[in-house]
Amino acid sequence: MAKDSSFDVVSTVDMQEVDNAYQQTARELTQRYDLKATGATIDLSKADATITVHAPSEFVATQVIDVFNTRLVRRKVDLQSLRWDKAQPAAGSTVRVVGHVVQGIDQDTAKRISKDIRDQKLKCKATVEGDKLRVSSASKDVLQQVISFLRDQDYGQPLQFVNYR
């Protein structure tokens, strides 16, 4: 019997590109005319994979987030990999907005992806392995169909297909 072929479905973000976008945004906050005197700041915590924006108002915070998102897009980081919380009041009548970088596929999303693959009635098997999903089949054509099917779906986060063998 032929050996099964497989690939992994993962959701990863290049944190170095996020760091580069953060540094460009921080530099732009000190140089851009409309944001220079506002006192807005942006901080990146690599350990927690969070971005924190401090601003005097929600409008300025939204502007800083837009600048950051523009930098991420230029560095080819998918914006679906960020989850922004609602603006919270902070000290001194300022607002704080926290963004979380999504790394890995959570259990609920992995189960939903696995169920969607099973509903396609293709001869393949999808198993959840931690924060990734392994899809295996005897036919590489079936695996290609699964990849094209998953690319057409929206699971609220970017998916990459790695370790195709």
Protein backbone atom coordinates (compact mmCIF):
# COMPACT_ATOMS: atom_id res chain seq x y z
CA MET A 1 0.00 0.00 0.00
CA ALA A 2 1.22 3.48 -0.86
CA LYS A 3 2.44 5.78 1.88
CA ASP A 4 0.07 8.55 2.91
CA SER A 5 0.90 12.10 1.93
CA SER A 6 0.17 14.91 4.34
CA PHE A 7 0.42 18.62 5.09
CA ASP A 8 -0.04 20.80 8.15
CA VAL A 9 -2.46 23.70 8.47
CA VAL A 10 -0.93 26.37 10.72
CA SER A 11 -1.45 30.02 11.55
CA THR A 12 1.83 31.81 12.25
CA VAL A 13 2.98 35.39 12.17
CA ASP A 14 6.55 36.53 11.58
CA MET A 15 7.17 38.51 14.79
CA GLN A 16 10.27 40.13 13.28
CA GLU A 17 8.07 41.77 10.64
CA VAL A 18 5.64 42.89 13.36
CA ASP A 19 8.59 44.38 15.28
CA ASN A 20 9.79 46.19 12.16
CA ALA A 21 6.29 47.61 11.55
CA TYR A 22 6.13 48.67 15.22
CA GLN A 23 9.46 50.51 14.99
CA GLN A 24 8.44 52.28 11.79
CA THR A 25 5.16 53.34 13.40
CA ALA A 26 6.92 54.60 16.55
CA ARG A 27 9.29 56.64 14.37
CA GLU A 28 6.39 58.04 12.36
CA LEU A 29 4.59 59.11 15.56
CA THR A 30 7.51 61.41 16.36
CA GLN A 31 7.80 62.79 12.82
CA ARG A 32 4.30 63.06 11.38
CA TYR A 33 2.82 66.54 11.74
CA ASP A 34 -0.71 65.54 12.81
CA LEU A 35 0.50 62.95 15.35
CA LYS A 36 3.69 64.60 16.67
CA ALA A 37 2.17 66.82 19.36
CA THR A 38 -0.61 64.46 20.48
CA GLY A 39 1.47 62.43 22.93
CA ALA A 40 0.34 59.14 21.39
CA THR A 41 2.62 56.15 21.95
CA ILE A 42 2.76 52.56 20.77
CA ASP A 43 4.42 49.68 22.65
CA LEU A 44 5.18 46.11 21.61
CA SER A 45 5.55 43.24 24.05
CA LYS A 46 7.19 40.35 22.21
CA ALA A 47 6.79 38.01 25.18
CA ASP A 48 2.99 38.50 25.32
CA ALA A 49 2.64 39.20 21.57
CA THR A 50 0.62 42.33 22.30
CA ILE A 51 0.64 45.86 20.93
CA THR A 52 -0.53 48.68 23.23
CA VAL A 53 -1.54 52.09 21.91
CA HIS A 54 -1.84 55.02 24.36
CA ALA A 55 -3.53 58.12 22.96
CA PRO A 56 -5.37 61.22 24.19
CA SER A 57 -8.58 60.22 22.36
CA GLU A 58 -10.15 57.32 20.49
CA PHE A 59 -9.74 59.20 17.22
CA VAL A 60 -5.97 59.52 17.65
CA ALA A 61 -5.74 55.87 18.76
CA THR A 62 -7.57 54.86 15.59
CA GLN A 63 -5.14 56.92 13.53
CA VAL A 64 -2.13 55.23 15.19
CA ILE A 65 -3.69 51.80 14.58
CA ASP A 66 -4.25 52.72 10.91
CA VAL A 67 -0.59 53.73 10.55
CA PHE A 68 0.49 50.47 12.21
CA ASN A 69 -1.82 48.42 9.96
CA THR A 70 -0.41 50.16 6.89
CA ARG A 71 3.10 49.20 7.96
CA LEU A 72 2.00 45.59 8.53
CA VAL A 73 0.43 45.37 5.08
CA ARG A 74 3.59 46.70 3.46
CA ARG A 75 5.52 43.96 5.26
CA LYS A 76 3.04 41.31 4.05
CA VAL A 77 1.58 40.51 7.49
CA ASP A 78 -2.09 39.56 7.27
CA LEU A 79 -4.29 41.94 9.30
CA GLN A 80 -6.53 39.04 10.33
CA SER A 81 -3.69 37.91 12.59
CA LEU A 82 -4.38 40.89 14.92
CA ARG A 83 -7.26 41.15 17.40
CA TRP A 84 -7.85 44.67 18.74
CA ASP A 85 -9.71 45.18 22.03
CA LYS A 86 -12.08 48.07 22.56
CA ALA A 87 -10.61 51.37 23.72
CA GLN A 88 -10.35 51.53 27.52
CA PRO A 89 -10.06 54.71 29.56
CA ALA A 90 -6.59 55.16 31.07
CA ALA A 91 -4.93 57.60 33.46
CA GLY A 92 -5.03 61.30 32.68
CA SER A 93 -8.14 61.17 30.43
CA THR A 94 -6.34 59.09 27.80
CA VAL A 95 -7.36 55.85 26.16
CA ARG A 96 -5.55 52.55 25.80
CA VAL A 97 -6.13 50.04 23.01
CA VAL A 98 -4.52 46.60 23.19
CA GLY A 99 -3.96 44.41 20.14
CA HIS A 100 -3.16 40.71 20.33
CA VAL A 101 -1.14 38.83 17.71
CA VAL A 102 -2.84 35.50 17.01
CA GLN A 103 -0.35 32.63 16.84
CA GLY A 104 -1.54 29.07 16.23
CA ILE A 105 -4.99 27.64 15.67
CA ASP A 106 -7.17 27.35 18.77
CA GLN A 107 -9.07 24.12 19.49
CA ASP A 108 -12.50 25.42 18.45
CA THR A 109 -11.27 26.68 15.08
CA ALA A 110 -9.29 23.46 14.49
CA LYS A 111 -12.38 21.37 15.18
CA ARG A 112 -14.43 23.56 12.83
CA ILE A 113 -11.81 23.21 10.07
CA SER A 114 -11.68 19.44 10.61
CA LYS A 115 -15.48 19.19 10.43
CA ASP A 116 -15.57 21.27 7.23
CA ILE A 117 -12.98 18.95 5.65
CA ARG A 118 -15.00 15.88 6.64
CA ASP A 119 -18.16 17.45 5.21
CA GLN A 120 -16.44 17.62 1.81
CA LYS A 121 -16.60 13.78 1.65
CA LEU A 122 -13.02 13.51 0.41
CA LYS A 123 -10.85 10.51 1.23
CA CYS A 124 -8.62 12.20 3.76
CA LYS A 125 -8.14 12.40 7.50
CA ALA A 126 -7.72 15.60 9.51
CA THR A 127 -6.28 15.38 13.03
CA VAL A 128 -5.72 18.17 15.54
CA GLU A 129 -2.16 18.25 16.90
CA GLY A 130 -1.78 21.04 19.46
CA ASP A 131 -2.04 24.38 17.65
CA LYS A 132 -1.95 22.90 14.15
CA LEU A 133 -4.00 20.53 12.02
CA ARG A 134 -2.53 17.64 10.03
CA VAL A 135 -4.37 16.48 6.91
CA SER A 136 -3.31 13.16 5.38
CA SER A 137 -4.46 11.13 2.41
CA ALA A 138 -3.18 8.50 0.00
CA SER A 139 -3.81 10.84 -2.94
CA LYS A 140 -1.95 14.11 -3.41
CA ASP A 141 -4.79 15.32 -5.63
CA VAL A 142 -7.19 15.07 -2.67
CA LEU A 143 -4.77 17.12 -0.57
CA GLN A 144 -4.67 19.78 -3.30
CA GLN A 145 -8.49 19.88 -3.26
CA VAL A 146 -8.46 20.33 0.52
CA ILE A 147 -5.95 23.19 0.26
CA SER A 148 -8.00 24.98 -2.39
CA PHE A 149 -11.17 24.44 -0.32
CA LEU A 150 -9.55 25.88 2.82
CA ARG A 151 -8.23 28.91 0.90
CA ASP A 152 -11.81 29.76 -0.08
CA GLN A 153 -13.05 29.61 3.53
CA ASP A 154 -12.81 32.35 6.18
CA TYR A 155 -11.90 31.24 9.69
CA GLY A 156 -11.04 34.68 11.05
CA GLN A 157 -7.29 34.14 10.87
CA PRO A 158 -4.76 33.52 8.13
CA LEU A 159 -3.93 29.89 7.36
CA GLN A 160 -0.67 28.58 5.95
CA PHE A 161 -0.05 25.12 4.54
CA VAL A 162 3.36 23.67 5.44
CA ASN A 163 5.20 20.33 5.45
CA TYR A 164 3.54 19.13 2.26
CA ARG A 165 4.90 15.62 1.66
